[in-house]
Structures are given as C-alpha cells and as structure tokens.
Amino acid sequence: MMTGMMFWMIVFWTVLIGGGAWLAVSLSRSGRRGDAEDMLRERLARGDIDVDEFNRRVAAMTASGPSRAPTRWWIPGAALMLALFVLIPVAVMAANGWDMDMWDMHGRGRNTSSDPVVQGGSTATVRIEDFAFKPGNLEVPVGASVTWTNEDSAPHDATAKNGNWKTDRLSEGDSDTLTFDAAGAYDYYCSIHPSMKARLIVR
C-alpha cells in the first residue's frame, strides 16, 4: 500500500511540473503576442502601416487567443501555487500540532506486537524510539503501572485498539503512566502514526 509520504511526494511533483509547464507555455504565448503588438506600434509610428492596418492586425492576433493586457492570468495561477505549496501544508501542520512528520502519519512506524514477550514487574517502562514501542510485546501482573516515554523528536501516544485507555500526547522526553487493575490482552498503537503497533498483556 502506498505510504502517505509517497502519495504527497507524487502530488507535489505532479502539480509542480504541470504548473511549471503551463506557466512556461502561457508566458511564451503572451510574450510573443505582446512583442508582436509592440512591433506593430513601432511600424505605425514610422508610417510603415496606417491605423486601419494596425487595427486589423491587432484584431487578428486577439482572435487567435487571449491577449496579454486584459487578462491577468498569472494572478489565479500564482494564488493556486501559493495555496498548494504554502497555505495548505501550513494549515495541515497547524492541525497536527506543528508535527514535522505529518507526511509520515500513516507510512512510518513499526509493528512490534509480535516480538518475543518481555516479562515486566509491578512497574514497567515502554520506550518509544525510532517510531516503535520497545518492548513491543510486554507482559505485566495485575496492578502494574506501565510508563511510556517518548525518545523520538516526533510526538507519539499509546492508544488501546478497543478505546479503553490512552496516554497523553507525548513530546520528546515526555512520559505518561497508566495502572492496569484488570487482567486482559491489549493491542495498542500510536494514534498519530497508526502503523506503530504493540501489545500489552496483563495477567
């Protein structure tokens, strides 16, 4: 399945190349027509052609396509490029708490839930590092307190798949502790980077 990062890179380059080609063609056409009008004005000033001939040739050029002066075609084009490459990315980053890894939201992270089981005591720690939970398959006794500590520069959390519990959103260096008073097996993941998955067993 295509990752979020790959998708946005394809969109970015497609729009950039297509927009650049359209801009170059439009500039070329507009520039040629404007140069032709300037030459006609020079010929009119020298007396090489009369006013009727000048008007007839300008009308013929206008009929072949849009002229340079009346239509400021580059304004909507520039606005579109600004929206695509500045305003939309900034808005998405703001909505994600300025997470610079927003493009990796679905494409980054490892599933460590099937790693070998690690036995923990009444207190246990899960490190979040390199977009993975370590240990990813933890077993603790009933009543144990489990602390998740984020060692990545990107924010993370730990969210039960069944929705029964969730840590705070953890920035780099932050920790959150939850106590588990009932036995059960919990598959969990990072809601910010859903491909990060792990498993907690309480016995």
N, C-alpha and C. Protein backbone atom coordinates (compact mmCIF):
# COMPACT_ATOMS: atom_id res chain seq x y z
N MET A 1 0.86 -1.20 0.00
CA MET A 1 0.00 0.00 0.00
C MET A 1 0.89 1.24 0.00
N MET A 2 0.52 2.23 -0.81
CA MET A 2 1.31 3.45 -0.92
C MET A 2 1.29 4.22 0.40
N THR A 3 2.46 4.62 0.87
CA THR A 3 2.53 5.38 2.11
C THR A 3 2.07 6.80 1.89
N GLY A 4 1.72 7.45 3.01
CA GLY A 4 1.30 8.85 2.93
C GLY A 4 2.38 9.74 2.36
N MET A 5 3.63 9.47 2.74
CA MET A 5 4.73 10.30 2.25
C MET A 5 4.88 10.17 0.73
N MET A 6 4.80 8.92 0.22
CA MET A 6 4.92 8.72 -1.22
C MET A 6 3.78 9.42 -1.96
N PHE A 7 2.57 9.32 -1.43
CA PHE A 7 1.42 9.96 -2.07
C PHE A 7 1.62 11.46 -2.20
N TRP A 8 2.03 12.12 -1.10
CA TRP A 8 2.20 13.57 -1.13
C TRP A 8 3.37 13.99 -2.01
N MET A 9 4.42 13.16 -2.08
CA MET A 9 5.54 13.47 -2.97
C MET A 9 5.09 13.42 -4.42
N ILE A 10 4.27 12.42 -4.78
CA ILE A 10 3.77 12.31 -6.15
C ILE A 10 2.88 13.50 -6.48
N VAL A 11 1.98 13.86 -5.54
CA VAL A 11 1.11 15.02 -5.75
C VAL A 11 1.95 16.28 -5.94
N PHE A 12 2.95 16.46 -5.06
CA PHE A 12 3.80 17.65 -5.11
C PHE A 12 4.48 17.79 -6.46
N TRP A 13 5.17 16.72 -6.92
CA TRP A 13 5.92 16.81 -8.16
C TRP A 13 5.02 16.89 -9.38
N THR A 14 3.87 16.22 -9.34
CA THR A 14 2.93 16.31 -10.46
C THR A 14 2.42 17.73 -10.64
N VAL A 15 2.00 18.34 -9.53
CA VAL A 15 1.49 19.72 -9.60
C VAL A 15 2.61 20.69 -9.97
N LEU A 16 3.80 20.49 -9.39
CA LEU A 16 4.91 21.39 -9.66
C LEU A 16 5.32 21.35 -11.13
N ILE A 17 5.48 20.14 -11.67
CA ILE A 17 5.90 20.01 -13.08
C ILE A 17 4.80 20.49 -14.01
N GLY A 18 3.54 20.07 -13.73
CA GLY A 18 2.43 20.50 -14.57
C GLY A 18 2.23 22.00 -14.52
N GLY A 19 2.30 22.58 -13.31
CA GLY A 19 2.14 24.02 -13.17
C GLY A 19 3.27 24.78 -13.84
N GLY A 20 4.48 24.27 -13.73
CA GLY A 20 5.62 24.92 -14.39
C GLY A 20 5.50 24.91 -15.90
N ALA A 21 5.05 23.75 -16.45
CA ALA A 21 4.87 23.66 -17.89
C ALA A 21 3.79 24.62 -18.38
N TRP A 22 2.66 24.66 -17.64
CA TRP A 22 1.57 25.58 -18.01
C TRP A 22 2.03 27.03 -17.95
N LEU A 23 2.78 27.36 -16.91
CA LEU A 23 3.28 28.73 -16.76
C LEU A 23 4.21 29.10 -17.90
N ALA A 24 5.11 28.17 -18.26
CA ALA A 24 6.07 28.46 -19.33
C ALA A 24 5.36 28.66 -20.67
N VAL A 25 4.38 27.80 -20.96
CA VAL A 25 3.64 27.93 -22.23
C VAL A 25 2.86 29.23 -22.26
N SER A 26 2.19 29.56 -21.14
CA SER A 26 1.40 30.79 -21.08
C SER A 26 2.28 32.02 -21.25
N LEU A 27 3.43 32.02 -20.57
CA LEU A 27 4.34 33.14 -20.69
C LEU A 27 4.85 33.28 -22.12
N SER A 28 5.15 32.14 -22.72
CA SER A 28 5.67 32.17 -24.08
C SER A 28 4.65 32.75 -25.05
N ARG A 29 3.39 32.29 -24.94
CA ARG A 29 2.34 32.78 -25.83
C ARG A 29 2.07 34.26 -25.60
N SER A 30 1.96 34.63 -24.34
CA SER A 30 1.67 36.03 -24.02
C SER A 30 2.81 36.94 -24.46
N GLY A 31 4.04 36.47 -24.23
CA GLY A 31 5.20 37.27 -24.59
C GLY A 31 5.30 37.50 -26.08
N ARG A 32 5.03 36.43 -26.88
CA ARG A 32 5.09 36.57 -28.32
C ARG A 32 4.05 37.55 -28.83
N ARG A 33 2.81 37.47 -28.30
CA ARG A 33 1.75 38.36 -28.73
C ARG A 33 2.07 39.80 -28.35
N GLY A 34 2.60 40.00 -27.13
CA GLY A 34 2.95 41.35 -26.70
C GLY A 34 4.07 41.93 -27.55
N ASP A 35 5.07 41.11 -27.91
CA ASP A 35 6.16 41.58 -28.76
C ASP A 35 5.64 41.97 -30.14
N ALA A 36 4.68 41.18 -30.66
CA ALA A 36 4.13 41.47 -31.98
C ALA A 36 3.38 42.80 -31.97
N GLU A 37 2.61 43.04 -30.89
CA GLU A 37 1.90 44.32 -30.79
C GLU A 37 2.88 45.49 -30.70
N ASP A 38 3.96 45.32 -29.95
CA ASP A 38 4.96 46.39 -29.84
C ASP A 38 5.58 46.69 -31.20
N MET A 39 5.84 45.63 -31.98
CA MET A 39 6.43 45.84 -33.31
C MET A 39 5.45 46.58 -34.23
N LEU A 40 4.15 46.21 -34.12
CA LEU A 40 3.15 46.90 -34.94
C LEU A 40 3.07 48.39 -34.57
N ARG A 41 3.15 48.68 -33.27
CA ARG A 41 3.11 50.09 -32.85
C ARG A 41 4.31 50.87 -33.40
N GLU A 42 5.47 50.21 -33.40
CA GLU A 42 6.66 50.86 -33.96
C GLU A 42 6.48 51.13 -35.45
N ARG A 43 5.92 50.15 -36.18
CA ARG A 43 5.71 50.33 -37.61
C ARG A 43 4.68 51.44 -37.87
N LEU A 44 3.65 51.49 -36.98
CA LEU A 44 2.65 52.56 -37.13
C LEU A 44 3.29 53.93 -36.90
N ALA A 45 4.16 54.02 -35.88
CA ALA A 45 4.83 55.29 -35.57
C ALA A 45 5.74 55.72 -36.72
N ARG A 46 6.37 54.75 -37.40
CA ARG A 46 7.27 55.08 -38.52
C ARG A 46 6.51 55.40 -39.79
N GLY A 47 5.21 55.03 -39.80
CA GLY A 47 4.42 55.28 -41.00
C GLY A 47 4.44 54.13 -41.97
N ASP A 48 5.01 52.99 -41.58
CA ASP A 48 5.04 51.82 -42.47
C ASP A 48 3.64 51.26 -42.71
N ILE A 49 2.76 51.37 -41.71
CA ILE A 49 1.38 50.93 -41.84
C ILE A 49 0.47 52.04 -41.34
N ASP A 50 -0.78 52.02 -41.81
CA ASP A 50 -1.72 53.04 -41.33
C ASP A 50 -2.53 52.48 -40.16
N VAL A 51 -3.42 53.32 -39.61
CA VAL A 51 -4.20 52.95 -38.43
C VAL A 51 -5.11 51.77 -38.72
N ASP A 52 -5.72 51.77 -39.91
CA ASP A 52 -6.63 50.67 -40.27
C ASP A 52 -5.88 49.34 -40.30
N GLU A 53 -4.69 49.36 -40.90
CA GLU A 53 -3.89 48.13 -40.98
C GLU A 53 -3.47 47.67 -39.58
N PHE A 54 -3.08 48.63 -38.74
CA PHE A 54 -2.70 48.31 -37.36
C PHE A 54 -3.86 47.64 -36.61
N ASN A 55 -5.05 48.25 -36.70
CA ASN A 55 -6.21 47.71 -36.00
C ASN A 55 -6.59 46.33 -36.53
N ARG A 56 -6.49 46.16 -37.86
CA ARG A 56 -6.83 44.86 -38.44
C ARG A 56 -5.89 43.76 -37.95
N ARG A 57 -4.61 44.06 -37.86
CA ARG A 57 -3.64 43.04 -37.42
C ARG A 57 -3.78 42.73 -35.92
N VAL A 58 -4.02 43.77 -35.13
CA VAL A 58 -4.23 43.55 -33.69
C VAL A 58 -5.48 42.71 -33.47
N ALA A 59 -6.54 42.98 -34.24
CA ALA A 59 -7.78 42.20 -34.12
C ALA A 59 -7.54 40.74 -34.50
N ALA A 60 -6.71 40.51 -35.50
CA ALA A 60 -6.41 39.14 -35.92
C ALA A 60 -5.65 38.40 -34.82
N MET A 61 -4.70 39.11 -34.18
CA MET A 61 -3.95 38.47 -33.09
C MET A 61 -4.85 38.18 -31.91
N THR A 62 -5.74 39.09 -31.58
CA THR A 62 -6.66 38.91 -30.45
C THR A 62 -7.59 37.73 -30.68
N ALA A 63 -8.03 37.56 -31.95
CA ALA A 63 -8.93 36.46 -32.27
C ALA A 63 -8.25 35.11 -32.12
N SER A 64 -6.92 35.08 -32.23
CA SER A 64 -6.20 33.80 -32.14
C SER A 64 -6.00 33.33 -30.71
N GLY A 65 -6.29 34.19 -29.72
CA GLY A 65 -6.12 33.77 -28.33
C GLY A 65 -6.17 34.97 -27.41
N PRO A 66 -6.15 34.75 -26.09
CA PRO A 66 -6.23 35.86 -25.15
C PRO A 66 -5.00 36.75 -25.23
N SER A 67 -5.19 38.03 -25.10
CA SER A 67 -4.07 38.96 -25.14
C SER A 67 -3.43 39.10 -23.77
N ARG A 68 -2.30 39.74 -23.75
CA ARG A 68 -1.55 39.86 -22.52
C ARG A 68 -2.18 40.84 -21.54
N ALA A 69 -2.62 42.00 -22.02
CA ALA A 69 -3.01 43.07 -21.11
C ALA A 69 -4.31 42.82 -20.34
N PRO A 70 -5.44 42.47 -21.01
CA PRO A 70 -6.69 42.45 -20.27
C PRO A 70 -6.77 41.37 -19.21
N THR A 71 -6.18 40.22 -19.48
CA THR A 71 -6.33 39.10 -18.55
C THR A 71 -5.07 38.90 -17.74
N ARG A 72 -5.16 39.12 -16.46
CA ARG A 72 -4.03 38.87 -15.56
C ARG A 72 -4.06 37.40 -15.17
N TRP A 73 -3.78 36.53 -16.15
CA TRP A 73 -3.91 35.08 -15.94
C TRP A 73 -2.96 34.57 -14.87
N TRP A 74 -1.85 35.28 -14.67
CA TRP A 74 -0.85 34.78 -13.72
C TRP A 74 -1.31 34.95 -12.27
N ILE A 75 -2.29 35.84 -12.01
CA ILE A 75 -2.75 36.06 -10.63
C ILE A 75 -3.43 34.81 -10.06
N PRO A 76 -4.46 34.22 -10.76
CA PRO A 76 -5.02 32.98 -10.22
C PRO A 76 -4.02 31.84 -10.19
N GLY A 77 -3.12 31.82 -11.18
CA GLY A 77 -2.10 30.77 -11.18
C GLY A 77 -1.19 30.87 -9.97
N ALA A 78 -0.75 32.09 -9.67
CA ALA A 78 0.11 32.29 -8.50
C ALA A 78 -0.62 31.98 -7.21
N ALA A 79 -1.93 32.35 -7.16
CA ALA A 79 -2.72 32.05 -5.96
C ALA A 79 -2.86 30.55 -5.76
N LEU A 80 -3.06 29.82 -6.85
CA LEU A 80 -3.17 28.36 -6.76
C LEU A 80 -1.87 27.75 -6.25
N MET A 81 -0.75 28.19 -6.81
CA MET A 81 0.55 27.66 -6.38
C MET A 81 0.80 27.98 -4.91
N LEU A 82 0.43 29.20 -4.48
CA LEU A 82 0.61 29.60 -3.09
C LEU A 82 -0.22 28.70 -2.16
N ALA A 83 -1.46 28.44 -2.57
CA ALA A 83 -2.34 27.60 -1.74
C ALA A 83 -1.80 26.18 -1.65
N LEU A 84 -1.35 25.63 -2.78
CA LEU A 84 -0.90 24.24 -2.80
C LEU A 84 0.39 24.03 -2.01
N PHE A 85 1.33 24.96 -2.13
CA PHE A 85 2.65 24.72 -1.57
C PHE A 85 2.97 25.50 -0.31
N VAL A 86 2.07 26.41 0.10
CA VAL A 86 2.33 27.17 1.33
C VAL A 86 1.16 27.06 2.30
N LEU A 87 -0.02 27.53 1.87
CA LEU A 87 -1.14 27.63 2.81
C LEU A 87 -1.65 26.27 3.26
N ILE A 88 -1.84 25.34 2.32
CA ILE A 88 -2.37 24.02 2.70
C ILE A 88 -1.39 23.27 3.60
N PRO A 89 -0.09 23.16 3.26
CA PRO A 89 0.84 22.48 4.17
C PRO A 89 0.91 23.13 5.55
N VAL A 90 0.89 24.47 5.60
CA VAL A 90 0.94 25.14 6.90
C VAL A 90 -0.31 24.82 7.71
N ALA A 91 -1.48 24.83 7.06
CA ALA A 91 -2.73 24.51 7.76
C ALA A 91 -2.71 23.08 8.29
N VAL A 92 -2.21 22.14 7.50
CA VAL A 92 -2.16 20.75 7.94
C VAL A 92 -1.18 20.60 9.11
N MET A 93 -0.03 21.28 9.04
CA MET A 93 0.93 21.22 10.14
C MET A 93 0.34 21.79 11.42
N ALA A 94 -0.39 22.90 11.28
CA ALA A 94 -1.01 23.50 12.46
C ALA A 94 -2.04 22.57 13.07
N ALA A 95 -2.82 21.89 12.22
CA ALA A 95 -3.84 20.96 12.72
C ALA A 95 -3.20 19.77 13.42
N ASN A 96 -1.96 19.44 13.04
CA ASN A 96 -1.26 18.32 13.66
C ASN A 96 -0.30 18.78 14.75
N GLY A 97 -0.53 19.95 15.29
CA GLY A 97 0.33 20.44 16.35
C GLY A 97 1.74 20.75 15.88
N TRP A 98 1.87 21.19 14.61
CA TRP A 98 3.17 21.51 14.01
C TRP A 98 4.10 20.32 14.02
N ASP A 99 3.51 19.13 13.84
CA ASP A 99 4.30 17.90 13.73
C ASP A 99 4.97 17.86 12.37
N MET A 100 6.30 17.99 12.33
CA MET A 100 7.01 18.00 11.06
C MET A 100 6.99 16.65 10.37
N ASP A 101 6.55 15.60 11.08
CA ASP A 101 6.46 14.28 10.48
C ASP A 101 5.06 13.98 9.99
N MET A 102 4.27 15.05 9.71
CA MET A 102 2.87 14.84 9.36
C MET A 102 2.71 14.02 8.11
N TRP A 103 3.66 14.16 7.15
CA TRP A 103 3.51 13.42 5.90
C TRP A 103 3.71 11.93 6.13
N ASP A 104 4.33 11.56 7.26
CA ASP A 104 4.57 10.16 7.57
C ASP A 104 3.48 9.60 8.46
N MET A 105 2.38 10.33 8.58
CA MET A 105 1.37 9.96 9.56
C MET A 105 0.95 8.50 9.45
N HIS A 106 0.78 8.00 8.23
CA HIS A 106 0.34 6.62 8.05
C HIS A 106 1.47 5.72 7.55
N GLY A 107 2.54 6.30 7.06
CA GLY A 107 3.54 5.50 6.40
C GLY A 107 4.74 5.14 7.24
N ARG A 108 4.88 5.72 8.44
CA ARG A 108 6.06 5.45 9.25
C ARG A 108 5.67 4.72 10.51
N GLY A 109 6.58 3.93 11.02
CA GLY A 109 6.32 3.20 12.26
C GLY A 109 6.38 1.70 12.04
N ARG A 110 6.70 0.98 13.12
CA ARG A 110 6.82 -0.47 13.02
C ARG A 110 5.84 -1.16 13.95
N ASN A 111 5.43 -2.34 13.52
CA ASN A 111 4.56 -3.18 14.34
C ASN A 111 5.45 -4.13 15.12
N THR A 112 5.55 -3.91 16.44
CA THR A 112 6.41 -4.76 17.29
C THR A 112 5.58 -5.68 18.18
N SER A 113 4.29 -5.80 17.88
CA SER A 113 3.39 -6.58 18.73
C SER A 113 3.69 -8.08 18.72
N SER A 114 4.36 -8.55 17.67
CA SER A 114 4.68 -9.98 17.59
C SER A 114 6.12 -10.28 18.02
N ASP A 115 6.81 -9.30 18.58
CA ASP A 115 8.16 -9.54 19.11
C ASP A 115 8.07 -10.53 20.28
N PRO A 116 9.19 -11.14 20.67
CA PRO A 116 9.18 -12.03 21.84
C PRO A 116 8.65 -11.31 23.08
N VAL A 117 7.89 -12.04 23.90
CA VAL A 117 7.29 -11.46 25.10
C VAL A 117 8.38 -11.08 26.10
N VAL A 118 8.27 -9.87 26.66
CA VAL A 118 9.17 -9.40 27.71
C VAL A 118 8.38 -9.35 29.02
N GLN A 119 8.90 -10.00 30.06
CA GLN A 119 8.24 -10.01 31.37
C GLN A 119 8.59 -8.74 32.14
N GLY A 120 7.55 -8.07 32.61
CA GLY A 120 7.76 -6.88 33.42
C GLY A 120 7.23 -7.09 34.83
N GLY A 121 7.64 -6.22 35.75
CA GLY A 121 7.21 -6.32 37.14
C GLY A 121 6.05 -5.40 37.44
N SER A 122 5.94 -5.02 38.71
CA SER A 122 4.84 -4.15 39.11
C SER A 122 4.98 -2.74 38.54
N THR A 123 6.19 -2.41 38.12
CA THR A 123 6.41 -1.18 37.35
C THR A 123 7.19 -1.56 36.10
N ALA A 124 6.81 -1.01 34.99
CA ALA A 124 7.47 -1.32 33.72
C ALA A 124 7.51 -0.07 32.86
N THR A 125 8.49 -0.04 31.98
CA THR A 125 8.65 1.12 31.09
C THR A 125 8.67 0.66 29.64
N VAL A 126 7.95 1.38 28.80
CA VAL A 126 7.99 1.16 27.35
C VAL A 126 8.60 2.41 26.72
N ARG A 127 9.71 2.23 26.04
CA ARG A 127 10.35 3.35 25.34
C ARG A 127 9.74 3.47 23.94
N ILE A 128 9.54 4.69 23.51
CA ILE A 128 9.10 4.95 22.13
C ILE A 128 10.30 5.54 21.41
N GLU A 129 10.84 4.74 20.50
CA GLU A 129 12.11 5.11 19.86
C GLU A 129 12.11 4.62 18.42
N ASP A 130 12.59 5.48 17.50
CA ASP A 130 12.64 5.13 16.08
C ASP A 130 11.29 4.66 15.56
N PHE A 131 10.22 5.35 16.01
CA PHE A 131 8.86 5.05 15.57
C PHE A 131 8.47 3.61 15.86
N ALA A 132 8.81 3.16 17.07
CA ALA A 132 8.44 1.82 17.52
C ALA A 132 8.35 1.80 19.04
N PHE A 133 7.47 0.91 19.56
CA PHE A 133 7.36 0.68 21.00
C PHE A 133 8.35 -0.41 21.39
N LYS A 134 9.14 -0.16 22.45
CA LYS A 134 10.16 -1.12 22.90
C LYS A 134 10.09 -1.27 24.41
N PRO A 135 9.72 -2.44 24.94
CA PRO A 135 9.38 -3.65 24.19
C PRO A 135 7.99 -3.52 23.57
N GLY A 136 7.82 -4.23 22.47
CA GLY A 136 6.55 -4.17 21.75
C GLY A 136 5.56 -5.22 22.20
N ASN A 137 6.02 -6.19 23.00
CA ASN A 137 5.13 -7.26 23.48
C ASN A 137 5.47 -7.46 24.96
N LEU A 138 4.76 -6.73 25.81
CA LEU A 138 5.08 -6.68 27.24
C LEU A 138 4.02 -7.40 28.06
N GLU A 139 4.48 -8.19 29.08
CA GLU A 139 3.55 -8.85 29.99
C GLU A 139 3.84 -8.39 31.41
N VAL A 140 2.78 -7.95 32.11
CA VAL A 140 2.92 -7.45 33.48
C VAL A 140 1.83 -8.07 34.36
N PRO A 141 2.03 -8.07 35.68
CA PRO A 141 1.00 -8.59 36.59
C PRO A 141 -0.13 -7.58 36.79
N VAL A 142 -1.28 -8.07 37.23
CA VAL A 142 -2.41 -7.19 37.53
C VAL A 142 -1.98 -6.16 38.59
N GLY A 143 -2.37 -4.92 38.39
CA GLY A 143 -2.00 -3.85 39.31
C GLY A 143 -0.71 -3.15 38.92
N ALA A 144 -0.08 -3.59 37.86
CA ALA A 144 1.19 -2.98 37.44
C ALA A 144 0.97 -1.59 36.85
N SER A 145 1.98 -0.76 37.02
CA SER A 145 1.98 0.58 36.40
C SER A 145 2.96 0.57 35.24
N VAL A 146 2.49 0.96 34.08
CA VAL A 146 3.32 0.98 32.87
C VAL A 146 3.53 2.43 32.45
N THR A 147 4.80 2.79 32.24
CA THR A 147 5.15 4.15 31.84
C THR A 147 5.66 4.14 30.40
N TRP A 148 5.06 4.99 29.58
CA TRP A 148 5.53 5.18 28.20
C TRP A 148 6.34 6.46 28.15
N THR A 149 7.56 6.37 27.60
CA THR A 149 8.46 7.51 27.49
C THR A 149 8.84 7.71 26.03
N ASN A 150 8.63 8.91 25.54
CA ASN A 150 8.92 9.21 24.14
C ASN A 150 10.36 9.69 23.98
N GLU A 151 11.14 8.96 23.21
CA GLU A 151 12.52 9.35 22.94
C GLU A 151 12.71 9.80 21.49
N ASP A 152 11.61 9.94 20.76
CA ASP A 152 11.66 10.46 19.39
C ASP A 152 11.44 11.97 19.38
N SER A 153 11.88 12.62 18.31
CA SER A 153 11.62 14.06 18.18
C SER A 153 10.17 14.32 17.76
N ALA A 154 9.51 13.32 17.16
CA ALA A 154 8.10 13.46 16.78
C ALA A 154 7.21 13.09 17.96
N PRO A 155 6.02 13.68 18.06
CA PRO A 155 5.10 13.33 19.15
C PRO A 155 4.48 11.96 18.92
N HIS A 156 4.15 11.28 20.01
CA HIS A 156 3.52 9.96 19.96
C HIS A 156 2.53 9.83 21.11
N ASP A 157 1.72 8.77 21.05
CA ASP A 157 0.92 8.37 22.20
C ASP A 157 0.77 6.86 22.15
N ALA A 158 0.12 6.29 23.17
CA ALA A 158 -0.22 4.87 23.18
C ALA A 158 -1.73 4.79 23.38
N THR A 159 -2.42 4.20 22.42
CA THR A 159 -3.88 4.17 22.43
C THR A 159 -4.36 2.73 22.27
N ALA A 160 -5.18 2.26 23.22
CA ALA A 160 -5.72 0.91 23.13
C ALA A 160 -6.60 0.78 21.89
N LYS A 161 -6.47 -0.35 21.21
CA LYS A 161 -7.25 -0.58 20.00
C LYS A 161 -8.75 -0.58 20.30
N ASN A 162 -9.12 -1.06 21.50
CA ASN A 162 -10.55 -1.09 21.87
C ASN A 162 -11.03 0.24 22.45
N GLY A 163 -10.13 1.21 22.56
CA GLY A 163 -10.51 2.54 23.02
C GLY A 163 -10.65 2.68 24.53
N ASN A 164 -10.26 1.67 25.32
CA ASN A 164 -10.45 1.71 26.77
C ASN A 164 -9.46 2.62 27.49
N TRP A 165 -8.30 2.85 26.91
CA TRP A 165 -7.31 3.70 27.56
C TRP A 165 -6.41 4.36 26.52
N LYS A 166 -5.78 5.44 26.99
CA LYS A 166 -4.90 6.20 26.10
C LYS A 166 -3.98 7.07 26.93
N THR A 167 -2.72 7.14 26.55
CA THR A 167 -1.80 8.06 27.22
C THR A 167 -2.02 9.47 26.68
N ASP A 168 -1.36 10.43 27.34
CA ASP A 168 -1.33 11.78 26.81
C ASP A 168 -0.52 11.80 25.50
N ARG A 169 -0.66 12.86 24.76
CA ARG A 169 0.21 13.09 23.60
C ARG A 169 1.59 13.45 24.13
N LEU A 170 2.58 12.67 23.77
CA LEU A 170 3.91 12.81 24.36
C LEU A 170 4.88 13.46 23.38
N SER A 171 5.42 14.60 23.77
CA SER A 171 6.50 15.20 23.00
C SER A 171 7.82 14.54 23.43
N GLU A 172 8.90 14.90 22.76
CA GLU A 172 10.19 14.29 23.07
C GLU A 172 10.54 14.50 24.55
N GLY A 173 10.87 13.41 25.24
CA GLY A 173 11.24 13.47 26.65
C GLY A 173 10.07 13.34 27.61
N ASP A 174 8.83 13.39 27.11
CA ASP A 174 7.66 13.28 27.98
C ASP A 174 7.34 11.83 28.31
N SER A 175 6.68 11.63 29.46
CA SER A 175 6.25 10.30 29.89
C SER A 175 4.82 10.37 30.41
N ASP A 176 4.16 9.23 30.38
CA ASP A 176 2.83 9.11 30.98
C ASP A 176 2.70 7.69 31.52
N THR A 177 2.07 7.57 32.70
CA THR A 177 1.95 6.27 33.37
C THR A 177 0.49 5.89 33.55
N LEU A 178 0.18 4.64 33.24
CA LEU A 178 -1.16 4.10 33.44
C LEU A 178 -1.06 2.85 34.31
N THR A 179 -2.06 2.65 35.17
CA THR A 179 -2.10 1.46 36.04
C THR A 179 -3.20 0.53 35.55
N PHE A 180 -2.87 -0.77 35.49
CA PHE A 180 -3.80 -1.77 34.94
C PHE A 180 -4.24 -2.71 36.06
N ASP A 181 -5.49 -2.56 36.49
CA ASP A 181 -6.03 -3.33 37.62
C ASP A 181 -6.81 -4.56 37.19
N ALA A 182 -7.00 -4.76 35.92
CA ALA A 182 -7.76 -5.91 35.44
C ALA A 182 -6.94 -6.68 34.42
N ALA A 183 -7.07 -8.00 34.46
CA ALA A 183 -6.34 -8.85 33.50
C ALA A 183 -6.92 -8.64 32.10
N GLY A 184 -6.07 -8.82 31.13
CA GLY A 184 -6.51 -8.69 29.75
C GLY A 184 -5.34 -8.57 28.80
N ALA A 185 -5.64 -8.73 27.53
CA ALA A 185 -4.63 -8.56 26.48
C ALA A 185 -5.03 -7.35 25.66
N TYR A 186 -4.13 -6.41 25.54
CA TYR A 186 -4.44 -5.15 24.87
C TYR A 186 -3.52 -4.94 23.67
N ASP A 187 -4.12 -4.88 22.51
CA ASP A 187 -3.38 -4.40 21.34
C ASP A 187 -3.51 -2.88 21.34
N TYR A 188 -2.38 -2.20 21.13
CA TYR A 188 -2.44 -0.74 21.11
C TYR A 188 -1.56 -0.19 19.99
N TYR A 189 -1.69 1.10 19.75
CA TYR A 189 -0.99 1.74 18.64
C TYR A 189 -0.80 3.22 18.95
N CYS A 190 -0.06 3.90 18.10
CA CYS A 190 0.08 5.36 18.20
C CYS A 190 -0.96 5.98 17.28
N SER A 191 -1.85 6.80 17.84
CA SER A 191 -2.92 7.38 17.02
C SER A 191 -2.39 8.42 16.04
N ILE A 192 -1.18 8.91 16.27
CA ILE A 192 -0.57 9.89 15.36
C ILE A 192 0.11 9.18 14.19
N HIS A 193 0.70 8.02 14.48
CA HIS A 193 1.38 7.20 13.46
C HIS A 193 0.82 5.78 13.58
N PRO A 194 -0.35 5.50 13.00
CA PRO A 194 -1.07 4.24 13.25
C PRO A 194 -0.34 2.96 12.88
N SER A 195 0.72 3.06 12.07
CA SER A 195 1.46 1.84 11.75
C SER A 195 2.37 1.40 12.89
N MET A 196 2.50 2.23 13.93
CA MET A 196 3.22 1.84 15.14
C MET A 196 2.26 1.04 16.02
N LYS A 197 2.53 -0.26 16.19
CA LYS A 197 1.62 -1.12 16.94
C LYS A 197 2.41 -1.95 17.96
N ALA A 198 1.73 -2.29 19.06
CA ALA A 198 2.37 -3.09 20.12
C ALA A 198 1.29 -3.87 20.87
N ARG A 199 1.74 -4.63 21.89
CA ARG A 199 0.80 -5.48 22.65
C ARG A 199 1.18 -5.45 24.13
N LEU A 200 0.17 -5.36 24.98
CA LEU A 200 0.35 -5.38 26.42
C LEU A 200 -0.55 -6.49 27.01
N ILE A 201 0.06 -7.38 27.77
CA ILE A 201 -0.70 -8.47 28.40
C ILE A 201 -0.64 -8.27 29.91
N VAL A 202 -1.82 -8.26 30.53
CA VAL A 202 -1.90 -8.11 32.00
C VAL A 202 -2.46 -9.43 32.55
N ARG A 203 -1.65 -10.11 33.44
CA ARG A 203 -2.06 -11.42 34.00
C ARG A 203 -2.12 -11.36 35.51
